[in-house]
Protein backbone atom coordinates (compact mmCIF):
# COMPACT_ATOMS: atom_id res chain seq x y z
CA MET A 1 8.47 -24.37 -13.43
CA TYR A 2 5.03 -24.24 -15.13
CA GLY A 3 4.13 -27.24 -18.33
CA PHE A 4 7.41 -29.02 -17.49
CA GLU A 5 6.18 -31.23 -14.96
CA ALA A 6 5.92 -34.18 -16.98
CA MET A 7 9.72 -34.11 -17.37
CA THR A 8 10.26 -34.86 -13.39
CA PHE A 9 7.05 -35.76 -11.47
CA ASN A 10 7.03 -39.47 -12.20
CA ILE A 11 10.21 -40.05 -10.65
CA HIS A 12 8.70 -39.28 -7.11
CA GLY A 13 4.92 -38.79 -7.50
CA GLY A 14 3.85 -41.50 -10.48
CA TYR A 15 3.18 -44.44 -8.23
CA LEU A 16 1.34 -42.43 -5.68
CA GLU A 17 -0.74 -40.64 -8.60
CA ALA A 18 -1.73 -44.12 -10.20
CA ILE A 19 -2.64 -45.19 -6.96
CA VAL A 20 -4.97 -42.28 -6.02
CA ARG A 21 -6.58 -42.38 -9.65
CA GLY A 22 -7.10 -46.00 -8.68
CA HIS A 23 -8.85 -45.31 -5.61
CA ARG A 24 -11.06 -42.76 -7.57
CA ALA A 25 -12.40 -45.31 -9.78
CA GLY A 26 -13.83 -47.23 -6.82
CA LEU A 27 -16.15 -44.53 -5.76
CA LEU A 28 -19.81 -45.09 -5.82
CA THR A 29 -21.43 -44.17 -8.99
CA THR A 30 -25.10 -42.55 -9.85
CA ALA A 31 -26.17 -46.18 -10.01
CA ASP A 32 -24.93 -47.67 -6.70
CA TYR A 33 -26.41 -44.36 -5.04
CA ASN A 34 -30.17 -45.22 -6.54
CA ASN A 35 -29.82 -48.83 -5.30
CA LEU A 36 -28.69 -47.71 -2.21
CA CYS A 37 -31.82 -45.30 -1.53
CA GLN A 38 -34.07 -48.33 -2.37
CA CYS A 39 -32.69 -50.22 0.73
CA GLU A 40 -35.37 -51.03 3.23
CA SER A 41 -32.81 -51.76 6.30
CA LEU A 42 -29.45 -51.08 7.18
CA ASP A 43 -28.57 -54.62 6.64
CA ASP A 44 -29.79 -53.93 2.92
CA ILE A 45 -27.37 -51.16 2.78
CA LYS A 46 -24.61 -52.95 4.40
CA MET A 47 -25.54 -56.14 1.44
CA HIS A 48 -24.94 -53.77 -1.26
CA LEU A 49 -21.90 -52.16 -0.16
CA SER A 50 -20.19 -55.45 -0.25
CA ALA A 51 -19.54 -55.56 -3.27
CA THR A 52 -17.80 -51.91 -3.29
CA GLU A 53 -14.49 -51.19 -1.39
CA TYR A 54 -16.43 -50.71 1.79
CA GLY A 55 -16.91 -54.80 1.50
CA PRO A 56 -13.86 -55.65 3.68
CA TYR A 57 -14.68 -53.15 6.34
CA LEU A 58 -18.04 -54.35 6.75
CA GLN A 59 -18.07 -57.79 6.19
CA ASN A 60 -17.64 -59.04 10.12
CA GLU A 61 -20.32 -56.35 11.69
CA PRO A 62 -23.35 -58.77 13.51
CA SER A 63 -26.49 -57.66 13.20
CA PRO A 64 -28.37 -55.30 14.15
CA LEU A 65 -26.04 -52.62 12.48
CA HIS A 66 -26.12 -48.97 13.57
CA THR A 67 -25.54 -45.46 11.21
CA THR A 68 -22.50 -45.06 13.36
CA THR A 69 -20.85 -48.58 12.81
CA ILE A 70 -21.31 -47.88 8.51
CA VAL A 71 -19.99 -44.32 9.32
CA GLU A 72 -17.04 -45.55 11.12
CA LYS A 73 -16.10 -48.59 8.86
CA CYS A 74 -16.29 -46.46 5.87
CA THR A 75 -14.31 -43.72 7.89
CA LEU A 76 -11.55 -46.80 8.68
CA LYS A 77 -11.25 -46.91 4.80
CA LEU A 78 -10.27 -43.45 3.95
CA VAL A 79 -7.91 -43.43 6.72
CA ASP A 80 -6.48 -46.89 5.18
CA ASP A 81 -5.99 -45.01 1.94
CA TYR A 82 -4.44 -41.69 3.65
CA LYS A 83 -2.22 -43.47 5.52
CA HIS A 84 -0.97 -45.90 2.86
CA MET A 85 -0.45 -42.68 0.71
CA LEU A 86 1.77 -40.44 3.21
CA CYS A 87 3.78 -43.83 3.93
CA GLN A 88 4.74 -43.82 0.11
CA ALA A 89 5.26 -40.17 -0.18
CA THR A 90 8.29 -38.04 -0.26
CA GLU A 91 8.64 -34.70 0.08
CA PRO A 92 7.14 -32.28 -0.47
CA LEU A 93 3.96 -34.27 -1.69
CA SER A 94 4.08 -35.90 2.33
CA THR A 95 3.89 -32.03 3.69
CA PHE A 96 1.18 -31.84 1.02
CA LEU A 97 -0.99 -34.85 2.48
CA GLU A 98 -0.38 -33.77 6.18
CA TYR A 99 -1.74 -30.24 5.24
CA ILE A 100 -5.24 -31.61 4.45
CA THR A 101 -5.81 -33.24 7.98
CA TYR A 102 -5.14 -29.92 9.60
CA GLY A 103 -8.82 -29.26 9.24
CA HIS A 104 -9.69 -32.34 11.03
CA MET A 105 -7.25 -31.71 13.63
CA ILE A 106 -9.04 -27.81 14.15
CA ASP A 107 -12.70 -29.72 14.22
CA ASN A 108 -11.57 -32.12 17.11
CA VAL A 109 -10.04 -29.51 19.14
CA VAL A 110 -12.97 -27.53 18.99
CA LEU A 111 -14.81 -30.63 19.77
CA ILE A 112 -12.94 -31.45 22.69
CA VAL A 113 -12.68 -28.23 24.07
CA THR A 114 -16.99 -27.78 23.48
CA GLY A 115 -17.58 -31.41 24.75
CA THR A 116 -15.78 -30.38 28.04
CA LEU A 117 -17.36 -27.01 28.41
CA HIS A 118 -20.61 -29.03 28.38
CA GLU A 119 -19.18 -31.25 30.70
CA ARG A 120 -19.28 -34.48 28.24
CA ASP A 121 -16.89 -37.10 29.07
CA VAL A 122 -13.46 -36.71 27.53
CA GLN A 123 -13.40 -40.78 26.49
CA GLU A 124 -17.13 -40.25 24.95
CA LEU A 125 -15.86 -37.14 22.84
CA LEU A 126 -12.66 -38.93 21.93
CA GLU A 127 -14.99 -41.52 20.21
CA LYS A 128 -16.40 -39.16 17.89
CA CYS A 129 -13.16 -37.37 16.83
CA HIS A 130 -12.08 -38.14 13.18
CA PRO A 131 -8.82 -40.38 12.94
CA LEU A 132 -7.36 -38.19 10.61
CA GLY A 133 -7.32 -35.33 12.92
CA MET A 134 -5.78 -37.34 16.38
CA PHE A 135 -2.95 -36.17 17.81
CA ASP A 136 -0.53 -37.20 20.57
CA SER A 137 -1.77 -34.92 23.58
CA ILE A 138 -5.53 -34.85 22.26
CA ALA A 139 -7.36 -35.88 25.37
CA THR A 140 -5.16 -33.47 27.85
CA LEU A 141 -7.15 -30.58 26.04
CA ALA A 142 -10.04 -31.36 28.76
CA VAL A 143 -7.97 -29.21 31.14
CA ALA A 144 -7.45 -25.70 29.42
CA GLN A 145 -9.79 -22.90 31.00
CA ASN A 146 -9.14 -20.19 28.22
CA MET A 147 -7.11 -20.22 24.76
CA ARG A 148 -3.35 -19.38 26.39
CA GLU A 149 -3.84 -22.74 28.54
CA LEU A 150 -4.87 -24.02 25.55
CA TYR A 151 -2.01 -23.38 23.35
CA ARG A 152 0.80 -23.37 26.52
CA LEU A 153 -0.63 -26.56 27.79
CA VAL A 154 -1.39 -28.54 24.51
CA LEU A 155 -0.67 -27.30 20.99
CA VAL A 156 2.72 -25.62 21.10
CA ASP A 157 3.86 -28.83 20.02
CA THR A 158 1.30 -29.52 17.32
CA PRO A 159 0.97 -28.23 13.54
CA LEU A 160 -1.47 -25.91 14.68
CA ALA A 161 0.68 -24.16 16.69
CA PRO A 162 1.60 -21.13 13.98
CA TYR A 163 -1.82 -20.63 13.09
CA PHE A 164 -2.81 -19.87 17.51
CA SER A 165 -0.71 -16.63 17.57
CA GLU A 166 -3.98 -14.92 16.11
CA CYS A 167 -6.34 -15.95 18.64
CA ILE A 168 -4.04 -16.52 22.02
CA THR A 169 -6.55 -14.13 24.54
CA SER A 170 -6.74 -14.59 28.24
CA GLU A 171 -11.09 -14.89 27.73
CA ASP A 172 -12.42 -17.68 29.15
CA LEU A 173 -13.57 -20.22 26.55
CA ASP A 174 -17.33 -19.80 26.09
CA ASP A 175 -19.61 -21.28 22.97
CA MET A 176 -19.07 -17.44 21.31
CA ASN A 177 -15.26 -17.66 21.81
CA ILE A 178 -15.24 -21.48 20.27
CA GLU A 179 -16.45 -20.38 16.96
CA ILE A 180 -14.41 -17.34 16.91
CA MET A 181 -11.21 -19.62 17.46
CA ARG A 182 -12.60 -22.32 15.07
CA ASN A 183 -12.89 -19.99 12.37
CA THR A 184 -9.44 -17.82 13.34
CA LEU A 185 -7.80 -21.00 13.19
CA TYR A 186 -9.34 -22.29 9.57
CA LYS A 187 -8.40 -18.87 8.62
CA ALA A 188 -4.72 -18.95 9.14
CA TYR A 189 -4.74 -23.04 8.06
CA LEU A 190 -6.27 -22.31 4.81
CA GLU A 191 -4.12 -19.14 4.00
CA ASP A 192 -0.81 -21.15 4.98
CA PHE A 193 -1.89 -23.96 2.83
CA TYR A 194 -2.84 -21.44 -0.18
CA LYS A 195 0.91 -20.03 0.28
CA PHE A 196 2.33 -23.56 0.43
CA CYS A 197 0.20 -24.60 -2.88
CA GLN A 198 1.33 -21.24 -4.47
CA LYS A 199 5.15 -22.26 -3.73
CA LEU A 200 4.71 -25.70 -4.91
CA GLY A 201 3.85 -23.61 -8.36
CA GLY A 202 2.89 -25.03 -11.57
CA THR A 203 -0.17 -27.23 -12.27
CA THR A 204 -0.79 -27.96 -8.25
CA ALA A 205 -0.51 -23.99 -8.04
CA GLU A 206 -3.39 -23.37 -10.97
CA ILE A 207 -5.58 -26.28 -9.38
CA MET A 208 -5.33 -25.91 -5.53
CA SER A 209 -5.48 -22.25 -5.75
CA ASP A 210 -8.99 -22.47 -7.33
CA LEU A 211 -10.18 -25.15 -4.79
CA LEU A 212 -9.05 -23.10 -1.89
CA ALA A 213 -10.34 -19.87 -2.93
CA PHE A 214 -13.86 -22.05 -3.38
CA GLU A 215 -13.20 -23.15 0.26
CA ALA A 216 -12.62 -19.64 1.60
CA ASP A 217 -15.13 -18.07 0.08
CA ARG A 218 -17.74 -20.87 1.12
CA ARG A 219 -16.67 -19.99 4.92
CA ALA A 220 -16.90 -16.73 4.37
CA VAL A 221 -20.72 -16.97 3.49
CA ASN A 222 -21.44 -19.38 6.13
CA ILE A 223 -19.71 -17.28 8.77
CA THR A 224 -21.97 -13.90 7.63
CA ILE A 225 -25.33 -16.20 7.75
CA ASN A 226 -24.35 -17.90 11.17
CA SER A 227 -23.57 -14.19 12.72
CA ILE A 228 -26.62 -12.27 11.56
CA GLY A 229 -28.51 -11.95 14.62
CA THR A 230 -25.53 -12.06 17.09
CA GLU A 231 -23.18 -9.92 19.04
CA LEU A 232 -20.08 -10.30 16.29
CA THR A 233 -19.39 -6.98 14.87
CA ARG A 234 -19.01 -6.17 11.35
CA ASP A 235 -15.13 -5.59 12.04
CA ASP A 236 -15.26 -8.50 13.97
CA ARG A 237 -16.93 -10.58 11.02
CA ARG A 238 -14.33 -9.31 8.50
CA LYS A 239 -11.75 -10.49 10.59
CA LEU A 240 -12.56 -14.01 10.15
CA TYR A 241 -12.52 -13.60 6.22
CA SER A 242 -9.18 -15.44 4.60
CA ASN A 243 -7.56 -12.84 2.66
CA PHE A 244 -7.75 -14.86 -0.78
CA GLY A 245 -10.65 -15.91 -2.85
CA LEU A 246 -12.96 -14.63 -5.42
CA LEU A 247 -14.76 -12.62 -3.01
CA TYR A 248 -11.27 -10.71 -1.27
CA PRO A 249 -11.12 -7.66 -0.63
CA TYR A 250 -14.70 -6.25 -1.93
CA GLY A 251 -17.02 -8.96 -1.77
CA HIS A 252 -15.69 -9.06 2.18
CA GLU A 253 -16.42 -5.82 2.26
CA GLU A 254 -19.92 -6.19 1.16
CA LEU A 255 -20.71 -9.41 3.48
CA ALA A 256 -19.50 -7.78 6.35
CA VAL A 257 -22.31 -5.40 6.57
CA CYS A 258 -25.35 -7.86 5.67
CA GLU A 259 -27.89 -7.92 7.96
CA ASP A 260 -30.11 -11.13 6.44
CA ILE A 261 -29.63 -13.91 3.69
CA ASP A 262 -31.30 -11.99 0.77
CA GLN A 263 -28.48 -9.20 1.10
CA VAL A 264 -26.05 -12.22 1.33
CA ARG A 265 -27.42 -13.41 -2.05
CA ALA A 266 -27.17 -10.24 -3.72
CA VAL A 267 -23.63 -9.94 -2.72
CA MET A 268 -22.69 -13.48 -4.37
CA GLU A 269 -24.60 -13.02 -7.49
CA LYS A 270 -22.53 -10.27 -8.59
CA TYR A 271 -19.82 -12.73 -8.66
CA PRO A 272 -20.69 -15.31 -11.92
CA PRO A 273 -19.34 -18.64 -10.46
CA TYR A 274 -21.83 -18.33 -7.84
CA GLN A 275 -24.94 -17.40 -9.42
CA SER A 276 -25.37 -20.62 -10.47
CA ILE A 277 -25.33 -21.59 -6.36
CA PHE A 278 -27.69 -19.15 -5.13
CA ALA A 279 -30.17 -19.36 -8.45
CA LYS A 280 -31.02 -23.08 -6.75
CA LEU A 281 -32.60 -21.28 -3.97
CA SER A 282 -35.58 -19.39 -3.37
CA TYR A 283 -35.35 -15.95 -1.73
CA GLY A 284 -35.43 -16.25 2.06
CA GLU A 285 -34.03 -19.72 2.12
CA SER A 286 -30.73 -20.85 3.30
CA GLN A 287 -31.60 -24.70 4.22
CA MET A 288 -30.34 -26.02 0.88
CA LEU A 289 -27.03 -23.72 0.52
CA ASP A 290 -24.78 -26.23 2.08
CA LYS A 291 -26.01 -29.02 -0.42
CA ALA A 292 -25.61 -26.49 -3.21
CA PHE A 293 -22.02 -25.62 -2.28
CA TYR A 294 -21.37 -29.37 -1.88
CA GLU A 295 -22.34 -29.94 -5.21
CA GLU A 296 -20.63 -26.98 -6.71
CA GLU A 297 -17.19 -28.13 -4.54
CA VAL A 298 -17.80 -32.19 -5.80
CA LYS A 299 -17.98 -30.82 -9.76
CA ARG A 300 -14.89 -28.79 -9.37
CA LEU A 301 -12.94 -31.95 -7.66
CA CYS A 302 -13.93 -33.98 -10.64
CA LEU A 303 -12.17 -31.76 -12.87
CA ALA A 304 -8.53 -31.89 -10.82
CA PHE A 305 -8.76 -35.28 -12.08
CA GLU A 306 -8.67 -34.18 -15.81
CA GLN A 307 -5.41 -33.22 -15.87
CA GLN A 308 -2.06 -35.04 -14.79
CA PHE A 309 0.97 -34.39 -12.96
CA HIS A 310 0.07 -32.46 -9.95
CA TYR A 311 -0.99 -33.06 -6.45
CA ALA A 312 -4.44 -31.85 -6.37
CA VAL A 313 -5.71 -34.92 -7.43
CA PHE A 314 -4.62 -36.14 -3.41
CA PHE A 315 -6.94 -33.19 -2.24
CA ALA A 316 -9.58 -33.79 -4.44
CA TYR A 317 -9.96 -37.97 -3.92
CA MET A 318 -9.60 -37.24 -0.08
CA ARG A 319 -12.60 -34.45 0.00
CA LEU A 320 -14.63 -36.53 -2.46
CA ARG A 321 -14.37 -39.59 -0.03
CA GLU A 322 -15.39 -37.42 2.78
CA GLN A 323 -18.73 -36.53 0.68
CA GLU A 324 -19.27 -40.18 0.08
CA ILE A 325 -19.46 -40.87 3.69
CA ARG A 326 -21.46 -38.04 4.19
CA ASN A 327 -23.60 -39.30 1.82
CA LEU A 328 -24.00 -42.78 3.39
CA MET A 329 -24.92 -41.56 6.59
CA TRP A 330 -27.49 -39.36 5.34
CA ILE A 331 -28.97 -42.34 3.51
CA SER A 332 -28.29 -44.74 6.76
CA GLU A 333 -30.15 -42.23 8.93
CA CYS A 334 -33.06 -41.99 6.62
CA VAL A 335 -33.77 -45.58 6.22
CA ALA A 336 -33.19 -46.10 9.96
CA GLN A 337 -35.56 -43.73 10.96
CA ASN A 338 -37.81 -44.59 7.90
CA GLN A 339 -37.67 -41.54 6.48
CA LYS A 340 -37.37 -42.39 2.72
CA SER A 341 -39.07 -39.59 1.21
CA ARG A 342 -36.16 -37.35 2.41
CA VAL A 343 -33.73 -39.39 1.63
CA HIS A 344 -33.04 -37.62 -1.87
CA ASP A 345 -32.45 -33.91 -0.10
CA SER A 346 -28.91 -34.23 1.16
CA VAL A 347 -27.30 -36.59 -1.65
CA VAL A 348 -24.62 -34.94 -3.80
CA PHE A 349 -23.98 -37.29 -6.52
CA ILE A 350 -20.60 -37.57 -7.00
CA PHE A 351 -20.25 -39.38 -10.80
């Protein structure tokens, strides 16, 4: 019912929308980042963060601090915000919030399976998993030898079960198969989330369609660049692209046959929204592509807050907070390793 959300939205969603907009006001500003980039040690970073919403999470941490501690505590803030919103949410917002975590579940599954393949300790791997992507049977992933076992023993009872139908094979798990599994799962997840948002309709469908289409297109570009020079065939590559987005279907046909980064660039420059991203890169260069995509994503996520009475603000807030944690991790690593000259290389300013 497009245009009439204002009449009924606040009955169930008004309180939580106010909460999430309040959380957004607590995101770090450009001034905060400039101060953080001047810090000489991790304790200086902690001292500066004590005046922000991260303060209570870091206040009891003893010196010397480690980057992992800062990232862990900042992620805990994100998890607490998410859990509070999920507890208060009613349908369909609760399902929408659960969809946001499925990407982390996929990453956790891939992390455990890859780590087990390289004979890493399961407990050590579990500590590296993202807390939003945890589920009850995650520790038993280590016993699976192929994707069929992975599904039958573990994932059949998780929300990821429907996405596995496309990638169940009896092939043994190796690095290549695991990467194909990750991208196939993400494709199924993004398409499912996209359909769910379309079903919700209204402003939510309008804004989420744009955000998810951007995510699908970014993944298509990354899959293309990462598969150049591997044994992945053109057809296999095309199967990993999501069936929606600005590049679907003609851009996908062209990306599938690209042999180097400049060919990918030529394809993307035909699409006006992506011209500005590739204009920032010199020819033959792909190192700064991730940052350029992140900057464009942040711009789109901030625009989600310009409209009211829709669920996309929850997705936008979670993504912006995750970007903020990535920024803090980069700044902390640069300070810890005495590489302050590179501190601005990967920081994406949000406001």
